[in-house]
PDB file of N, CA and C in Angstrom:
ATOM      1  N   MET A   1      41.823  97.184  54.395  1.00  0.00           N
ATOM      2  CA  MET A   1      40.797  98.079  53.916  1.00  0.00           C
ATOM      3  C   MET A   1      41.418  99.068  52.919  1.00  0.00           C
ATOM      4  N   PRO A   2      40.879  99.131  51.672  1.00  0.00           N
ATOM      5  CA  PRO A   2      41.471 100.029  50.682  1.00  0.00           C
ATOM      6  C   PRO A   2      41.229 101.493  51.044  1.00  0.00           C
ATOM      7  N   THR A   3      42.216 102.326  50.747  1.00  0.00           N
ATOM      8  CA  THR A   3      42.103 103.749  51.050  1.00  0.00           C
ATOM      9  C   THR A   3      41.729 104.561  49.816  1.00  0.00           C
ATOM     10  N   SER A   4      41.760 103.958  48.643  1.00  0.00           N
ATOM     11  CA  SER A   4      41.459 104.668  47.413  1.00  0.00           C
ATOM     12  C   SER A   4      39.958 104.815  47.220  1.00  0.00           C
ATOM     13  N   LYS A   5      39.552 105.970  46.674  1.00  0.00           N
ATOM     14  CA  LYS A   5      38.144 106.177  46.366  1.00  0.00           C
ATOM     15  C   LYS A   5      37.767 105.459  45.069  1.00  0.00           C
ATOM     16  N   ASN A   6      38.753 105.162  44.245  1.00  0.00           N
ATOM     17  CA  ASN A   6      38.554 104.442  42.992  1.00  0.00           C
ATOM     18  C   ASN A   6      39.307 103.122  43.050  1.00  0.00           C
ATOM     19  N   PRO A   7      38.729 102.095  43.635  1.00  0.00           N
ATOM     20  CA  PRO A   7      39.446 100.825  43.675  1.00  0.00           C
ATOM     21  C   PRO A   7      39.657 100.290  42.255  1.00  0.00           C
ATOM     22  N   PRO A   8      40.753  99.584  42.018  1.00  0.00           N
ATOM     23  CA  PRO A   8      41.073  99.089  40.677  1.00  0.00           C
ATOM     24  C   PRO A   8      39.965  98.253  40.052  1.00  0.00           C
ATOM     25  N   SER A   9      39.150  97.602  40.859  1.00  0.00           N
ATOM     26  CA  SER A   9      38.108  96.749  40.306  1.00  0.00           C
ATOM     27  C   SER A   9      37.040  97.539  39.558  1.00  0.00           C
ATOM     28  N   LYS A  10      36.944  98.837  39.789  1.00  0.00           N
ATOM     29  CA  LYS A  10      35.918  99.644  39.139  1.00  0.00           C
ATOM     30  C   LYS A  10      36.450 100.413  37.930  1.00  0.00           C
ATOM     31  N   ARG A  11      37.742 100.363  37.680  1.00  0.00           N
ATOM     32  CA  ARG A  11      38.320 101.061  36.537  1.00  0.00           C
ATOM     33  C   ARG A  11      38.449 100.118  35.361  1.00  0.00           C
ATOM     34  N   ASP A  12      38.244 100.643  34.173  1.00  0.00           N
ATOM     35  CA  ASP A  12      38.379  99.861  32.953  1.00  0.00           C
ATOM     36  C   ASP A  12      39.731 100.196  32.335  1.00  0.00           C
ATOM     37  N   TYR A  13      40.769  99.533  32.815  1.00  0.00           N
ATOM     38  CA  TYR A  13      42.123  99.818  32.352  1.00  0.00           C
ATOM     39  C   TYR A  13      42.288  99.513  30.870  1.00  0.00           C
ATOM     40  N   LYS A  14      41.636  98.476  30.382  1.00  0.00           N
ATOM     41  CA  LYS A  14      41.730  98.110  28.974  1.00  0.00           C
ATOM     42  C   LYS A  14      41.211  99.249  28.094  1.00  0.00           C
ATOM     43  N   HIS A  15      40.105  99.837  28.505  1.00  0.00           N
ATOM     44  CA  HIS A  15      39.527 100.950  27.755  1.00  0.00           C
ATOM     45  C   HIS A  15      40.441 102.174  27.817  1.00  0.00           C
ATOM     46  N   GLU A  16      40.965 102.473  28.998  1.00  0.00           N
ATOM     47  CA  GLU A  16      41.855 103.620  29.152  1.00  0.00           C
ATOM     48  C   GLU A  16      43.097 103.466  28.279  1.00  0.00           C
ATOM     49  N   TYR A  17      43.674 102.267  28.251  1.00  0.00           N
ATOM     50  CA  TYR A  17      44.864 102.008  27.456  1.00  0.00           C
ATOM     51  C   TYR A  17      44.559 102.182  25.974  1.00  0.00           C
ATOM     52  N   ALA A  18      43.442 101.599  25.508  1.00  0.00           N
ATOM     53  CA  ALA A  18      43.070 101.675  24.097  1.00  0.00           C
ATOM     54  C   ALA A  18      42.765 103.114  23.693  1.00  0.00           C
ATOM     55  N   GLU A  19      42.155 103.855  24.595  1.00  0.00           N
ATOM     56  CA  GLU A  19      41.816 105.244  24.299  1.00  0.00           C
ATOM     57  C   GLU A  19      43.071 106.080  24.081  1.00  0.00           C
ATOM     58  N   TYR A  20      44.100 105.875  24.880  1.00  0.00           N
ATOM     59  CA  TYR A  20      45.349 106.633  24.757  1.00  0.00           C
ATOM     60  C   TYR A  20      46.176 106.148  23.575  1.00  0.00           C
ATOM     61  N   GLN A  21      46.393 104.831  23.486  1.00  0.00           N
ATOM     62  CA  GLN A  21      47.250 104.284  22.438  1.00  0.00           C
ATOM     63  C   GLN A  21      46.612 104.382  21.063  1.00  0.00           C
ATOM     64  N   GLY A  22      45.310 104.576  21.001  1.00  0.00           N
ATOM     65  CA  GLY A  22      44.620 104.650  19.722  1.00  0.00           C
ATOM     66  C   GLY A  22      44.561 106.044  19.133  1.00  0.00           C
ATOM     67  N   ARG A  23      45.055 107.037  19.862  1.00  0.00           N
ATOM     68  CA  ARG A  23      45.023 108.404  19.340  1.00  0.00           C
ATOM     69  C   ARG A  23      45.995 108.530  18.176  1.00  0.00           C
ATOM     70  N   PRO A  24      45.645 109.296  17.152  1.00  0.00           N
ATOM     71  CA  PRO A  24      46.504 109.428  15.967  1.00  0.00           C
ATOM     72  C   PRO A  24      47.933 109.863  16.291  1.00  0.00           C
ATOM     73  N   GLU A  25      48.109 110.783  17.237  1.00  0.00           N
ATOM     74  CA  GLU A  25      49.468 111.237  17.554  1.00  0.00           C
ATOM     75  C   GLU A  25      50.286 110.115  18.189  1.00  0.00           C
ATOM     76  N   GLN A  26      49.651 109.251  19.010  1.00  0.00           N
ATOM     77  CA  GLN A  26      50.374 108.143  19.623  1.00  0.00           C
ATOM     78  C   GLN A  26      50.713 107.071  18.595  1.00  0.00           C
ATOM     79  N   ILE A  27      49.818 106.845  17.663  1.00  0.00           N
ATOM     80  CA  ILE A  27      50.086 105.878  16.592  1.00  0.00           C
ATOM     81  C   ILE A  27      51.283 106.359  15.770  1.00  0.00           C
ATOM     82  N   LYS A  28      51.324 107.663  15.465  1.00  0.00           N
ATOM     83  CA  LYS A  28      52.434 108.244  14.701  1.00  0.00           C
ATOM     84  C   LYS A  28      53.748 108.114  15.469  1.00  0.00           C
ATOM     85  N   HIS A  29      53.731 108.439  16.762  1.00  0.00           N
ATOM     86  CA  HIS A  29      54.954 108.343  17.570  1.00  0.00           C
ATOM     87  C   HIS A  29      55.441 106.901  17.679  1.00  0.00           C
ATOM     88  N   ARG A  30      54.514 105.943  17.818  1.00  0.00           N
ATOM     89  CA  ARG A  30      54.900 104.534  17.888  1.00  0.00           C
ATOM     90  C   ARG A  30      55.568 104.103  16.588  1.00  0.00           C
ATOM     91  N   ALA A  31      55.024 104.535  15.456  1.00  0.00           N
ATOM     92  CA  ALA A  31      55.621 104.209  14.154  1.00  0.00           C
ATOM     93  C   ALA A  31      57.016 104.813  14.042  1.00  0.00           C
ATOM     94  N   GLU A  32      57.192 106.028  14.539  1.00  0.00           N
ATOM     95  CA  GLU A  32      58.502 106.680  14.499  1.00  0.00           C
ATOM     96  C   GLU A  32      59.505 105.971  15.402  1.00  0.00           C
ATOM     97  N   ARG A  33      59.053 105.495  16.577  1.00  0.00           N
ATOM     98  CA  ARG A  33      59.959 104.752  17.467  1.00  0.00           C
ATOM     99  C   ARG A  33      60.382 103.439  16.823  1.00  0.00           C
ATOM    100  N   ASN A  34      59.443 102.753  16.156  1.00  0.00           N
ATOM    101  CA  ASN A  34      59.779 101.508  15.460  1.00  0.00           C
ATOM    102  C   ASN A  34      60.777 101.775  14.340  1.00  0.00           C
ATOM    103  N   GLU A  35      60.570 102.855  13.604  1.00  0.00           N
ATOM    104  CA  GLU A  35      61.486 103.226  12.523  1.00  0.00           C
ATOM    105  C   GLU A  35      62.882 103.538  13.073  1.00  0.00           C
ATOM    106  N   ALA A  36      62.944 104.195  14.238  1.00  0.00           N
ATOM    107  CA  ALA A  36      64.224 104.521  14.859  1.00  0.00           C
ATOM    108  C   ALA A  36      64.980 103.247  15.236  1.00  0.00           C
ATOM    109  N   ARG A  37      64.268 102.247  15.769  1.00  0.00           N
ATOM    110  CA  ARG A  37      64.921 100.974  16.115  1.00  0.00           C
ATOM    111  C   ARG A  37      65.471 100.294  14.869  1.00  0.00           C
ATOM    112  N   ARG A  38      64.702 100.298  13.773  1.00  0.00           N
ATOM    113  CA  ARG A  38      65.177  99.679  12.533  1.00  0.00           C
ATOM    114  C   ARG A  38      66.416 100.397  12.001  1.00  0.00           C
ATOM    115  N   ALA A  39      66.409 101.719  12.028  1.00  0.00           N
ATOM    116  CA  ALA A  39      67.551 102.498  11.538  1.00  0.00           C
ATOM    117  C   ALA A  39      68.792 102.241  12.380  1.00  0.00           C
ATOM    118  N   GLU A  40      68.618 102.174  13.685  1.00  0.00           N
ATOM    119  CA  GLU A  40      69.761 101.930  14.587  1.00  0.00           C
ATOM    120  C   GLU A  40      70.310 100.523  14.373  1.00  0.00           C
ATOM    121  N   THR A  41      69.437  99.548  14.141  1.00  0.00           N
ATOM    122  CA  THR A  41      69.870  98.179  13.866  1.00  0.00           C
ATOM    123  C   THR A  41      70.677  98.134  12.582  1.00  0.00           C
ATOM    124  N   LYS A  42      70.209  98.850  11.575  1.00  0.00           N
ATOM    125  CA  LYS A  42      70.919  98.891  10.287  1.00  0.00           C
ATOM    126  C   LYS A  42      72.292  99.559  10.454  1.00  0.00           C
ATOM    127  N   LYS A  43      72.339 100.647  11.235  1.00  0.00           N
ATOM    128  CA  LYS A  43      73.591 101.375  11.450  1.00  0.00           C
ATOM    129  C   LYS A  43      74.616 100.518  12.202  1.00  0.00           C
ATOM    130  N   LEU A  44      74.157  99.795  13.246  1.00  0.00           N
ATOM    131  CA  LEU A  44      75.068  98.992  14.066  1.00  0.00           C
ATOM    132  C   LEU A  44      75.401  97.647  13.426  1.00  0.00           C
ATOM    133  N   GLY A  45      74.506  97.142  12.587  1.00  0.00           N
ATOM    134  CA  GLY A  45      74.711  95.829  11.997  1.00  0.00           C
ATOM    135  C   GLY A  45      74.156  94.703  12.856  1.00  0.00           C
ATOM    136  N   HIS A  46      73.565  95.049  13.992  1.00  0.00           N
ATOM    137  CA  HIS A  46      72.921  94.082  14.887  1.00  0.00           C
ATOM    138  C   HIS A  46      71.916  94.841  15.735  1.00  0.00           C
ATOM    139  N   ALA A  47      71.060  94.106  16.419  1.00  0.00           N
ATOM    140  CA  ALA A  47      70.063  94.750  17.277  1.00  0.00           C
ATOM    141  C   ALA A  47      70.762  95.486  18.416  1.00  0.00           C
ATOM    142  N   PRO A  48      70.339  96.706  18.708  1.00  0.00           N
ATOM    143  CA  PRO A  48      70.973  97.451  19.794  1.00  0.00           C
ATOM    144  C   PRO A  48      70.715  96.796  21.149  1.00  0.00           C
ATOM    145  N   VAL A  49      71.718  96.850  22.006  1.00  0.00           N
ATOM    146  CA  VAL A  49      71.584  96.311  23.359  1.00  0.00           C
ATOM    147  C   VAL A  49      71.026  97.444  24.218  1.00  0.00           C
ATOM    148  N   GLY A  50      69.752  97.385  24.522  1.00  0.00           N
ATOM    149  CA  GLY A  50      69.086  98.445  25.271  1.00  0.00           C
ATOM    150  C   GLY A  50      68.015  99.084  24.421  1.00  0.00           C
ATOM    151  N   ASP A  51      67.601 100.275  24.818  1.00  0.00           N
ATOM    152  CA  ASP A  51      66.557 101.007  24.112  1.00  0.00           C
ATOM    153  C   ASP A  51      67.162 102.055  23.200  1.00  0.00           C
ATOM    154  N   VAL A  52      66.467 102.320  22.104  1.00  0.00           N
ATOM    155  CA  VAL A  52      66.833 103.442  21.244  1.00  0.00           C
ATOM    156  C   VAL A  52      66.020 104.618  21.751  1.00  0.00           C
ATOM    157  N   ALA A  53      66.697 105.612  22.283  1.00  0.00           N
ATOM    158  CA  ALA A  53      66.038 106.765  22.876  1.00  0.00           C
ATOM    159  C   ALA A  53      66.219 107.974  21.969  1.00  0.00           C
ATOM    160  N   HIS A  54      65.292 108.900  22.076  1.00  0.00           N
ATOM    161  CA  HIS A  54      65.415 110.156  21.364  1.00  0.00           C
ATOM    162  C   HIS A  54      66.014 111.178  22.325  1.00  0.00           C
ATOM    163  N   ILE A  55      67.046 111.874  21.866  1.00  0.00           N
ATOM    164  CA  ILE A  55      67.691 112.877  22.712  1.00  0.00           C
ATOM    165  C   ILE A  55      66.674 113.963  23.059  1.00  0.00           C
ATOM    166  N   ARG A  56      66.006 114.490  22.041  1.00  0.00           N
ATOM    167  CA  ARG A  56      64.870 115.379  22.276  1.00  0.00           C
ATOM    168  C   ARG A  56      63.627 114.548  21.982  1.00  0.00           C
ATOM    169  N   PRO A  57      62.769 114.296  22.964  1.00  0.00           N
ATOM    170  CA  PRO A  57      61.647 113.378  22.799  1.00  0.00           C
ATOM    171  C   PRO A  57      60.704 113.786  21.672  1.00  0.00           C
ATOM    172  N   LEU A  58      60.064 112.789  21.076  1.00  0.00           N
ATOM    173  CA  LEU A  58      59.099 113.044  20.017  1.00  0.00           C
ATOM    174  C   LEU A  58      57.972 113.930  20.537  1.00  0.00           C
ATOM    175  N   ALA A  59      57.525 113.665  21.756  1.00  0.00           N
ATOM    176  CA  ALA A  59      56.439 114.444  22.341  1.00  0.00           C
ATOM    177  C   ALA A  59      56.861 115.885  22.611  1.00  0.00           C
ATOM    178  N   GLY A  60      58.163 116.132  22.688  1.00  0.00           N
ATOM    179  CA  GLY A  60      58.676 117.473  22.926  1.00  0.00           C
ATOM    180  C   GLY A  60      59.108 118.167  21.655  1.00  0.00           C
ATOM    181  N   GLY A  61      58.727 117.630  20.514  1.00  0.00           N
ATOM    182  CA  GLY A  61      59.054 118.266  19.241  1.00  0.00           C
ATOM    183  C   GLY A  61      60.297 117.718  18.567  1.00  0.00           C
ATOM    184  N   GLY A  62      60.893 116.681  19.120  1.00  0.00           N
ATOM    185  CA  GLY A  62      62.085 116.089  18.523  1.00  0.00           C
ATOM    186  C   GLY A  62      61.760 115.322  17.262  1.00  0.00           C
ATOM    187  N   GLY A  63      62.748 115.182  16.418  1.00  0.00           N
ATOM    188  CA  GLY A  63      62.558 114.479  15.155  1.00  0.00           C
ATOM    189  C   GLY A  63      63.046 113.044  15.223  1.00  0.00           C
ATOM    190  N   ASN A  64      63.045 112.401  14.074  1.00  0.00           N
ATOM    191  CA  ASN A  64      63.403 110.992  14.001  1.00  0.00           C
ATOM    192  C   ASN A  64      64.707 110.786  13.226  1.00  0.00           C
ATOM    193  N   LYS A  65      65.563 111.804  13.191  1.00  0.00           N
ATOM    194  CA  LYS A  65      66.846 111.681  12.501  1.00  0.00           C
ATOM    195  C   LYS A  65      67.825 110.893  13.356  1.00  0.00           C
ATOM    196  N   LEU A  66      68.819 110.291  12.699  1.00  0.00           N
ATOM    197  CA  LEU A  66      69.837 109.542  13.440  1.00  0.00           C
ATOM    198  C   LEU A  66      70.581 110.426  14.436  1.00  0.00           C
ATOM    199  N   SER A  67      70.702 111.712  14.127  1.00  0.00           N
ATOM    200  CA  SER A  67      71.409 112.614  15.036  1.00  0.00           C
ATOM    201  C   SER A  67      70.632 112.851  16.331  1.00  0.00           C
ATOM    202  N   ASN A  68      69.337 112.524  16.351  1.00  0.00           N
ATOM    203  CA  ASN A  68      68.517 112.703  17.550  1.00  0.00           C
ATOM    204  C   ASN A  68      68.314 111.390  18.296  1.00  0.00           C
ATOM    205  N   GLU A  69      69.002 110.328  17.889  1.00  0.00           N
ATOM    206  CA  GLU A  69      68.829 109.017  18.510  1.00  0.00           C
ATOM    207  C   GLU A  69      70.084 108.591  19.251  1.00  0.00           C
ATOM    208  N   LYS A  70      69.876 107.832  20.302  1.00  0.00           N
ATOM    209  CA  LYS A  70      70.994 107.259  21.046  1.00  0.00           C
ATOM    210  C   LYS A  70      70.535 105.945  21.644  1.00  0.00           C
ATOM    211  N   VAL A  71      71.482 105.067  21.907  1.00  0.00           N
ATOM    212  CA  VAL A  71      71.174 103.791  22.544  1.00  0.00           C
ATOM    213  C   VAL A  71      71.560 103.920  24.013  1.00  0.00           C
ATOM    214  N   GLU A  72      70.605 103.597  24.889  1.00  0.00           N
ATOM    215  CA  GLU A  72      70.893 103.625  26.317  1.00  0.00           C
ATOM    216  C   GLU A  72      70.151 102.480  26.991  1.00  0.00           C
ATOM    217  N   SER A  73      70.533 102.199  28.209  1.00  0.00           N
ATOM    218  CA  SER A  73      69.924 101.073  28.925  1.00  0.00           C
ATOM    219  C   SER A  73      68.431 101.325  29.119  1.00  0.00           C
ATOM    220  N   ALA A  74      67.677 100.238  29.184  1.00  0.00           N
ATOM    221  CA  ALA A  74      66.237 100.348  29.374  1.00  0.00           C
ATOM    222  C   ALA A  74      65.923 101.029  30.706  1.00  0.00           C
ATOM    223  N   ALA A  75      66.703 100.733  31.734  1.00  0.00           N
ATOM    224  CA  ALA A  75      66.461 101.336  33.052  1.00  0.00           C
ATOM    225  C   ALA A  75      66.611 102.855  32.986  1.00  0.00           C
ATOM    226  N   LYS A  76      67.598 103.336  32.276  1.00  0.00           N
ATOM    227  CA  LYS A  76      67.814 104.775  32.176  1.00  0.00           C
ATOM    228  C   LYS A  76      66.746 105.436  31.300  1.00  0.00           C
ATOM    229  N   ASN A  77      66.381 104.775  30.205  1.00  0.00           N
ATOM    230  CA  ASN A  77      65.415 105.359  29.278  1.00  0.00           C
ATOM    231  C   ASN A  77      64.002 105.379  29.845  1.00  0.00           C
ATOM    232  N   ARG A  78      63.659 104.430  30.675  1.00  0.00           N
ATOM    233  CA  ARG A  78      62.288 104.323  31.168  1.00  0.00           C
ATOM    234  C   ARG A  78      62.102 104.844  32.584  1.00  0.00           C
ATOM    235  N   SER A  79      63.140 105.415  33.151  1.00  0.00           N
ATOM    236  CA  SER A  79      63.050 105.858  34.540  1.00  0.00           C
ATOM    237  C   SER A  79      62.333 107.200  34.643  1.00  0.00           C
ATOM    238  N   TRP A  80      61.886 107.504  35.825  1.00  0.00           N
ATOM    239  CA  TRP A  80      61.237 108.772  36.109  1.00  0.00           C
ATOM    240  C   TRP A  80      62.278 109.877  36.052  1.00  0.00           C
ATOM    241  N   ARG A  81      61.957 110.971  35.412  1.00  0.00           N
ATOM    242  CA  ARG A  81      62.932 112.032  35.166  1.00  0.00           C
ATOM    243  C   ARG A  81      62.725 113.277  36.038  1.00  0.00           C
ATOM    244  N   LYS A  82      61.854 113.194  37.022  1.00  0.00           N
ATOM    245  CA  LYS A  82      61.589 114.360  37.860  1.00  0.00           C
ATOM    246  C   LYS A  82      62.873 114.809  38.547  1.00  0.00           C
ATOM    247  N   GLY A  83      63.104 116.090  38.530  1.00  0.00           N
ATOM    248  CA  GLY A  83      64.265 116.645  39.197  1.00  0.00           C
ATOM    249  C   GLY A  83      65.459 116.803  38.284  1.00  0.00           C
ATOM    250  N   GLN A  84      65.430 116.203  37.105  1.00  0.00           N
ATOM    251  CA  GLN A  84      66.555 116.372  36.192  1.00  0.00           C
ATOM    252  C   GLN A  84      66.448 117.728  35.509  1.00  0.00           C
ATOM    253  N   ARG A  85      67.564 118.299  35.186  1.00  0.00           N
ATOM    254  CA  ARG A  85      67.620 119.609  34.558  1.00  0.00           C
ATOM    255  C   ARG A  85      66.848 119.605  33.237  1.00  0.00           C
ATOM    256  N   GLY A  86      65.977 120.567  33.059  1.00  0.00           N
ATOM    257  CA  GLY A  86      65.253 120.718  31.807  1.00  0.00           C
ATOM    258  C   GLY A  86      64.011 119.865  31.679  1.00  0.00           C
ATOM    259  N   TYR A  87      63.684 119.076  32.694  1.00  0.00           N
ATOM    260  CA  TYR A  87      62.510 118.212  32.604  1.00  0.00           C
ATOM    261  C   TYR A  87      61.305 118.901  33.214  1.00  0.00           C
ATOM    262  N   THR A  88      60.188 118.865  32.516  1.00  0.00           N
ATOM    263  CA  THR A  88      58.941 119.359  33.070  1.00  0.00           C
ATOM    264  C   THR A  88      57.918 118.241  32.979  1.00  0.00           C
ATOM    265  N   VAL A  89      57.031 118.188  33.919  1.00  0.00           N
ATOM    266  CA  VAL A  89      55.997 117.159  33.917  1.00  0.00           C
ATOM    267  C   VAL A  89      55.011 117.478  32.792  1.00  0.00           C
ATOM    268  N   PRO A  90      54.734 116.507  31.899  1.00  0.00           N
ATOM    269  CA  PRO A  90      53.800 116.783  30.803  1.00  0.00           C
ATOM    270  C   PRO A  90      52.408 117.097  31.326  1.00  0.00           C
ATOM    271  N   LYS A  91      51.738 118.029  30.650  1.00  0.00           N
ATOM    272  CA  LYS A  91      50.373 118.406  31.037  1.00  0.00           C
ATOM    273  C   LYS A  91      49.392 117.538  30.284  1.00  0.00           C
ATOM    274  N   ASP A  92      48.312 117.129  30.939  1.00  0.00           N
ATOM    275  CA  ASP A  92      47.256 116.368  30.284  1.00  0.00           C
ATOM    276  C   ASP A  92      46.484 117.297  29.363  1.00  0.00           C
ATOM    277  N   THR A  93      46.180 116.800  28.170  1.00  0.00           N
ATOM    278  CA  THR A  93      45.443 117.633  27.224  1.00  0.00           C
ATOM    279  C   THR A  93      44.038 117.143  27.046  1.00  0.00           C
TER     280      THR A  93
END
């Protein structure tokens, strides 16, 4: 017996995803992340092994310069950051 008041069958995940990913700021950030991967590939001479991460995140005001980029494992870049020094949970706008 499900305990959720909103069972997954009643949510439109496709719509929710499109609504978020279609926002102009998200489109801009995605383009900047793609540009960062291309720049890192050019700098290394091959595709980076792992993710190209921003030291200061784009959503936190970070830029797209090479000095703000680093290559790290996908597990480290995509993990939950709660409890780490300087991390705050983003507020919904």
